[in-house]
C-alpha atoms as a PDB file:
ATOM      1  CA  VAL A   1     176.102  69.521 101.601  1.00  0.00           C
ATOM      2  CA  TYR A   2     175.459  67.560  98.726  1.00  0.00           C
ATOM      3  CA  LYS A   3     177.660  66.971  95.283  1.00  0.00           C
ATOM      4  CA  ARG A   4     175.693  66.477  92.179  1.00  0.00           C
ATOM      5  CA  GLN A   5     175.728  66.448  88.575  1.00  0.00           C
ATOM      6  CA  VAL A   6     173.281  69.237  87.038  1.00  0.00           C
ATOM      7  CA  PRO A   7     172.050  68.763  83.718  1.00  0.00           C
ATOM      8  CA  VAL A   8     172.142  72.436  82.047  1.00  0.00           C
ATOM      9  CA  ARG A   9     170.997  72.577  78.087  1.00  0.00           C
ATOM     10  CA  VAL A  10     172.740  75.519  76.262  1.00  0.00           C
ATOM     11  CA  VAL A  11     171.500  76.922  72.718  1.00  0.00           C
ATOM     12  CA  ALA A  12     173.888  78.797  71.100  1.00  0.00           C
ATOM     13  CA  ALA A  13     174.026  80.199  67.329  1.00  0.00           C
ATOM     14  CA  GLY A  14     170.879  77.709  67.089  1.00  0.00           C
ATOM     15  CA  ARG A  15     172.409  74.482  68.137  1.00  0.00           C
ATOM     16  CA  PRO A  16     171.654  73.004  71.172  1.00  0.00           C
ATOM     17  CA  ASP A  17     174.763  71.472  73.795  1.00  0.00           C
ATOM     18  CA  SER A  18     173.980  69.348  76.962  1.00  0.00           C
ATOM     19  CA  VAL A  19     176.175  69.443  79.876  1.00  0.00           C
ATOM     20  CA  ARG A  20     176.908  68.433  83.389  1.00  0.00           C
ATOM     21  CA  VAL A  21     177.713  71.294  85.917  1.00  0.00           C
ATOM     22  CA  GLU A  22     179.347  69.668  89.221  1.00  0.00           C
ATOM     23  CA  LEU A  23     177.219  71.375  92.185  1.00  0.00           C
ATOM     24  CA  GLU A  24     178.781  71.517  95.529  1.00  0.00           C
ATOM     25  CA  GLY A  25     176.541  73.785  97.865  1.00  0.00           C
ATOM     26  CA  THR A  26     174.429  76.015  96.635  1.00  0.00           C
ATOM     27  CA  GLN A  27     176.276  77.712  93.643  1.00  0.00           C
ATOM     28  CA  ALA A  28     178.178  76.720  90.568  1.00  0.00           C
ATOM     29  CA  ARG A  29     180.239  78.575  87.880  1.00  0.00           C
ATOM     30  CA  TYR A  30     179.765  77.372  83.793  1.00  0.00           C
ATOM     31  CA  PRO A  31     181.321  79.748  81.402  1.00  0.00           C
ATOM     32  CA  LEU A  32     178.552  80.468  78.752  1.00  0.00           C
ATOM     33  CA  PRO A  33     179.114  81.006  74.785  1.00  0.00           C
ATOM     34  CA  SER A  34     179.323  84.378  74.058  1.00  0.00           C
ATOM     35  CA  ARG A  35     176.127  84.136  71.992  1.00  0.00           C
ATOM     36  CA  TRP A  36     173.956  82.026  73.971  1.00  0.00           C
ATOM     37  CA  GLU A  37     170.296  81.909  73.118  1.00  0.00           C
ATOM     38  CA  VAL A  38     168.606  79.919  75.923  1.00  0.00           C
ATOM     39  CA  VAL A  39     169.680  78.256  78.929  1.00  0.00           C
ATOM     40  CA  GLU A  40     168.036  75.596  80.910  1.00  0.00           C
ATOM     41  CA  VAL A  41     169.062  74.226  84.221  1.00  0.00           C
ATOM     42  CA  ASP A  42     167.706  70.604  84.775  1.00  0.00           C
ATOM     43  CA  PRO A  43     165.568  70.837  81.826  1.00  0.00           C
ATOM     44  CA  ALA A  44     163.708  67.314  82.186  1.00  0.00           C
ATOM     45  CA  CYS A  45     163.457  68.431  86.062  1.00  0.00           C
ATOM     46  CA  ASP A  46     165.125  65.340  87.580  1.00  0.00           C
ATOM     47  CA  LEU A  47     166.500  66.703  90.403  1.00  0.00           C
ATOM     48  CA  PHE A  48     164.686  67.728  93.783  1.00  0.00           C
ATOM     49  CA  ARG A  49     162.442  70.530  93.644  1.00  0.00           C
ATOM     50  CA  ARG A  50     159.398  71.999  95.477  1.00  0.00           C
ATOM     51  CA  LEU A  51     156.656  71.535  93.689  1.00  0.00           C
ATOM     52  CA  HIS A  52     154.167  73.994  92.851  1.00  0.00           C
ATOM     53  CA  ARG A  53     150.488  73.638  94.323  1.00  0.00           C
ATOM     54  CA  SER A  54     148.877  73.422  90.862  1.00  0.00           C
ATOM     55  CA  GLU A  55     150.976  70.262  90.683  1.00  0.00           C
ATOM     56  CA  VAL A  56     150.143  68.394  93.712  1.00  0.00           C
ATOM     57  CA  PRO A  57     146.264  66.811  94.101  1.00  0.00           C
ATOM     58  CA  VAL A  58     144.136  68.580  96.412  1.00  0.00           C
ATOM     59  CA  ALA A  59     143.937  66.011  99.320  1.00  0.00           C
ATOM     60  CA  LEU A  60     141.652  66.561 102.510  1.00  0.00           C
ATOM     61  CA  SER A  61     144.787  67.275 104.281  1.00  0.00           C
ATOM     62  CA  GLN A  62     144.942  70.592 102.780  1.00  0.00           C
ATOM     63  CA  VAL A  63     141.520  71.524 104.607  1.00  0.00           C
ATOM     64  CA  LEU A  64     142.373  69.075 107.994  1.00  0.00           C
ATOM     65  CA  GLY A  65     145.866  71.171 107.995  1.00  0.00           C
ATOM     66  CA  ALA A  66     144.634  74.676 107.495  1.00  0.00           C
ATOM     67  CA  GLU A  67     145.630  77.386 109.932  1.00  0.00           C
ATOM     68  CA  ARG A  68     142.379  78.894 109.886  1.00  0.00           C
ATOM     69  CA  SER A  69     139.021  77.317 108.407  1.00  0.00           C
ATOM     70  CA  ALA A  70     135.315  77.299 108.459  1.00  0.00           C
ATOM     71  CA  ALA A  71     132.558  74.868 108.461  1.00  0.00           C
ATOM     72  CA  VAL A  72     129.674  76.217 106.480  1.00  0.00           C
ATOM     73  CA  ILE A  73     126.363  74.071 106.800  1.00  0.00           C
ATOM     74  CA  GLY A  74     124.389  74.050 103.215  1.00  0.00           C
ATOM     75  CA  ALA A  75     121.125  75.742 102.835  1.00  0.00           C
ATOM     76  CA  ASP A  76     119.444  73.157 101.177  1.00  0.00           C
ATOM     77  CA  VAL A  77     119.705  70.581 103.929  1.00  0.00           C
ATOM     78  CA  ASP A  78     116.841  69.636 106.075  1.00  0.00           C
ATOM     79  CA  ALA A  79     116.864  70.361 109.822  1.00  0.00           C
ATOM     80  CA  PRO A  80     117.845  67.119 111.055  1.00  0.00           C
ATOM     81  CA  LEU A  81     120.735  66.709 108.798  1.00  0.00           C
ATOM     82  CA  ALA A  82     121.356  70.677 109.497  1.00  0.00           C
ATOM     83  CA  GLU A  83     121.520  69.806 113.424  1.00  0.00           C
ATOM     84  CA  ALA A  84     124.112  66.647 112.733  1.00  0.00           C
ATOM     85  CA  LEU A  85     126.322  68.770 110.545  1.00  0.00           C
ATOM     86  CA  PHE A  86     126.315  71.751 113.148  1.00  0.00           C
ATOM     87  CA  ALA A  87     127.388  69.076 115.991  1.00  0.00           C
ATOM     88  CA  VAL A  88     130.007  67.731 113.875  1.00  0.00           C
ATOM     89  CA  ALA A  89     131.348  71.158 113.149  1.00  0.00           C
ATOM     90  CA  ARG A  90     131.296  72.615 116.673  1.00  0.00           C
ATOM     91  CA  GLN A  91     133.191  69.118 117.901  1.00  0.00           C
ATOM     92  CA  TRP A  92     135.711  69.889 115.204  1.00  0.00           C
ATOM     93  CA  ALA A  93     136.176  73.443 115.879  1.00  0.00           C
ATOM     94  CA  GLU A  94     137.174  73.080 119.707  1.00  0.00           C
ATOM     95  CA  ASN A  95     140.710  72.578 119.050  1.00  0.00           C
ATOM     96  CA  GLN A  96     141.179  74.683 116.020  1.00  0.00           C
ATOM     97  CA  ASP A  97     140.840  78.163 114.668  1.00  0.00           C
ATOM     98  CA  MET A  98     137.293  77.456 112.817  1.00  0.00           C
ATOM     99  CA  VAL A  99     134.018  79.520 112.201  1.00  0.00           C
ATOM    100  CA  VAL A 100     130.899  77.549 112.225  1.00  0.00           C
ATOM    101  CA  SER A 101     127.986  79.149 110.058  1.00  0.00           C
ATOM    102  CA  ALA A 102     125.240  78.735 108.410  1.00  0.00           C
ATOM    103  CA  GLU A 103     125.413  79.717 104.583  1.00  0.00           C
ATOM    104  CA  ALA A 104     123.012  82.236 104.830  1.00  0.00           C
ATOM    105  CA  ASP A 105     124.983  84.271 107.685  1.00  0.00           C
ATOM    106  CA  PHE A 106     128.462  83.137 106.023  1.00  0.00           C
ATOM    107  CA  GLN A 107     131.007  85.632 105.004  1.00  0.00           C
ATOM    108  CA  ASP A 108     133.925  84.486 103.257  1.00  0.00           C
ATOM    109  CA  ASP A 109     137.248  86.386 103.952  1.00  0.00           C
ATOM    110  CA  GLY A 110     138.972  84.436 101.323  1.00  0.00           C
ATOM    111  CA  ARG A 111     141.422  83.497 103.991  1.00  0.00           C
ATOM    112  CA  ARG A 112     140.175  80.511 105.411  1.00  0.00           C
ATOM    113  CA  SER A 113     139.792  76.790 103.916  1.00  0.00           C
ATOM    114  CA  LEU A 114     136.342  75.775 103.776  1.00  0.00           C
ATOM    115  CA  TRP A 115     134.259  72.824 105.151  1.00  0.00           C
ATOM    116  CA  LEU A 116     131.081  72.595 103.298  1.00  0.00           C
ATOM    117  CA  LEU A 117     128.950  70.190 104.996  1.00  0.00           C
ATOM    118  CA  GLY A 118     125.654  69.849 102.970  1.00  0.00           C
ATOM    119  CA  ASP A 119     124.618  70.933  99.835  1.00  0.00           C
ATOM    120  CA  GLY A 120     123.417  74.473  98.921  1.00  0.00           C
ATOM    121  CA  PRO A 121     124.351  77.222  96.275  1.00  0.00           C
ATOM    122  CA  LEU A 122     127.913  77.553  97.827  1.00  0.00           C
ATOM    123  CA  ALA A 123     128.804  74.248  97.299  1.00  0.00           C
ATOM    124  CA  ARG A 124     127.328  74.412  93.743  1.00  0.00           C
ATOM    125  CA  ARG A 125     129.124  77.206  92.782  1.00  0.00           C
ATOM    126  CA  ILE A 126     132.329  75.918  94.098  1.00  0.00           C
ATOM    127  CA  ARG A 127     132.101  72.557  91.988  1.00  0.00           C
ATOM    128  CA  GLU A 128     131.245  74.645  88.784  1.00  0.00           C
ATOM    129  CA  ARG A 129     134.272  76.896  89.475  1.00  0.00           C
ATOM    130  CA  VAL A 130     136.871  74.163  89.182  1.00  0.00           C
ATOM    131  CA  GLU A 131     136.913  73.661  85.667  1.00  0.00           C
ATOM    132  CA  SER A 132     140.245  72.086  85.609  1.00  0.00           C
ATOM    133  CA  TYR A 133     138.451  68.687  87.169  1.00  0.00           C
ATOM    134  CA  GLY A 134     135.748  68.809  84.429  1.00  0.00           C
ATOM    135  CA  THR A 135     132.830  66.752  84.922  1.00  0.00           C
ATOM    136  CA  ALA A 136     134.489  64.767  87.754  1.00  0.00           C
ATOM    137  CA  PRO A 137     132.927  66.352  90.591  1.00  0.00           C
ATOM    138  CA  ALA A 138     129.429  66.637  89.449  1.00  0.00           C
ATOM    139  CA  ASP A 139     129.849  62.988  88.475  1.00  0.00           C
ATOM    140  CA  LEU A 140     131.038  61.513  91.850  1.00  0.00           C
ATOM    141  CA  VAL A 141     127.957  63.501  93.416  1.00  0.00           C
ATOM    142  CA  GLN A 142     125.499  62.062  90.902  1.00  0.00           C
ATOM    143  CA  ARG A 143     126.993  58.716  91.728  1.00  0.00           C
ATOM    144  CA  ALA A 144     126.920  59.099  95.477  1.00  0.00           C
ATOM    145  CA  GLU A 145     122.909  60.061  94.590  1.00  0.00           C
ATOM    146  CA  VAL A 146     122.454  57.068  92.523  1.00  0.00           C
ATOM    147  CA  GLU A 147     123.787  54.769  94.881  1.00  0.00           C
ATOM    148  CA  GLU A 148     122.451  56.230  98.101  1.00  0.00           C
ATOM    149  CA  ARG A 149     126.037  57.046  99.497  1.00  0.00           C
ATOM    150  CA  SER A 150     127.814  59.889 101.237  1.00  0.00           C
ATOM    151  CA  ALA A 151     130.299  62.006  98.877  1.00  0.00           C
ATOM    152  CA  VAL A 152     133.431  64.031 100.276  1.00  0.00           C
ATOM    153  CA  LEU A 153     135.345  66.162  97.691  1.00  0.00           C
ATOM    154  CA  ALA A 154     138.817  67.848  98.314  1.00  0.00           C
ATOM    155  CA  LEU A 155     138.741  70.755  95.824  1.00  0.00           C
ATOM    156  CA  PRO A 156     141.077  73.379  95.027  1.00  0.00           C
ATOM    157  CA  ASP A 157     140.271  77.236  95.224  1.00  0.00           C
ATOM    158  CA  PRO A 158     141.144  78.650  91.246  1.00  0.00           C
ATOM    159  CA  GLU A 159     141.806  81.605  92.638  1.00  0.00           C
ATOM    160  CA  GLU A 160     143.911  81.376  95.588  1.00  0.00           C
ATOM    161  CA  PRO A 161     146.118  78.111  95.001  1.00  0.00           C
ATOM    162  CA  GLU A 162     146.919  77.426  99.081  1.00  0.00           C
ATOM    163  CA  ARG A 163     143.040  77.423  99.755  1.00  0.00           C
ATOM    164  CA  ALA A 164     141.139  74.254  99.446  1.00  0.00           C
ATOM    165  CA  PHE A 165     137.662  73.462 100.106  1.00  0.00           C
ATOM    166  CA  ALA A 166     135.949  70.194 101.317  1.00  0.00           C
ATOM    167  CA  LEU A 167     132.928  69.464 100.200  1.00  0.00           C
ATOM    168  CA  VAL A 168     130.713  67.024 102.477  1.00  0.00           C
ATOM    169  CA  LEU A 169     127.325  65.379 101.022  1.00  0.00           C
ATOM    170  CA  PRO A 170     126.502  63.083 103.835  1.00  0.00           C
ATOM    171  CA  GLN A 171     123.551  60.888 102.816  1.00  0.00           C
ATOM    172  CA  ASP A 172     121.500  61.612 105.815  1.00  0.00           C
ATOM    173  CA  ALA A 173     121.805  62.683 109.647  1.00  0.00           C
ATOM    174  CA  ALA A 174     123.289  59.536 110.948  1.00  0.00           C
ATOM    175  CA  ALA A 175     125.569  59.512 108.092  1.00  0.00           C
ATOM    176  CA  ALA A 176     127.167  63.061 108.804  1.00  0.00           C
ATOM    177  CA  ALA A 177     127.792  61.839 112.467  1.00  0.00           C
ATOM    178  CA  ALA A 178     129.976  58.869 111.327  1.00  0.00           C
ATOM    179  CA  LEU A 179     131.635  61.317 108.827  1.00  0.00           C
ATOM    180  CA  GLY A 180     132.445  63.588 111.613  1.00  0.00           C
ATOM    181  CA  ARG A 181     134.176  61.217 113.366  1.00  0.00           C
ATOM    182  CA  LYS A 182     136.031  58.927 110.345  1.00  0.00           C
ATOM    183  CA  LEU A 183     137.187  62.354 108.033  1.00  0.00           C
ATOM    184  CA  PRO A 184     139.835  63.686 110.463  1.00  0.00           C
ATOM    185  CA  HIS A 185     141.357  60.200 109.394  1.00  0.00           C
ATOM    186  CA  TYR A 186     141.313  60.379 105.645  1.00  0.00           C
ATOM    187  CA  GLY A 187     143.531  62.996 104.854  1.00  0.00           C
ATOM    188  CA  ARG A 188     145.301  61.565 102.383  1.00  0.00           C
ATOM    189  CA  TYR A 189     142.539  61.325  99.657  1.00  0.00           C
ATOM    190  CA  GLY A 190     140.858  63.891  97.419  1.00  0.00           C
ATOM    191  CA  TYR A 191     137.314  62.209  97.133  1.00  0.00           C
ATOM    192  CA  LEU A 192     135.722  59.384  98.991  1.00  0.00           C
ATOM    193  CA  LEU A 193     132.124  57.645  99.115  1.00  0.00           C
ATOM    194  CA  PHE A 194     130.821  55.921 101.902  1.00  0.00           C
ATOM    195  CA  ALA A 195     127.658  53.589 102.415  1.00  0.00           C
ATOM    196  CA  GLY A 196     125.799  54.458 105.308  1.00  0.00           C
ATOM    197  CA  GLU A 197     127.139  54.706 108.420  1.00  0.00           C
ATOM    198  CA  ARG A 198     130.401  52.924 106.893  1.00  0.00           C
END
């Protein structure tokens, strides 16, 4: 049990007053003025608290640690890249609840975090839906194309805050195989660029 002083701001009769209330355990009592208007507990958010999902930047760990996920191979990738991406996805799926599917066959149930492996209509739609990121996803993809690099982005699901998407755009089949080995070790990151197989 912790003892702490909790800042409280009370507005009564149009006048604000800031006090500290001693908290021992999970409850405390503080007498409020009879005509109070506003009570703010910890108004500056100085105490420990659980962050709302929207306050935490999305990272690959949100997809890597998902209980259920799906790996979707993008419809726009060429045959050698698709083959390499399917191999990566099947290897990842060996030890987890992961569905592996071509984009044309994929049915999104809305409950699985998604690995979008390679570009396609679904990956483009998701990049466009993430308005809070502005042009950053498109800018990173464009930079990867210009610099001939592979891009990896973690993006939030704008409709379901606990769900995330990881967009993996390998430069070629060799880069896809290398990303398959590397990405499980990059959980802290929200976006990455890789050169070749490095």
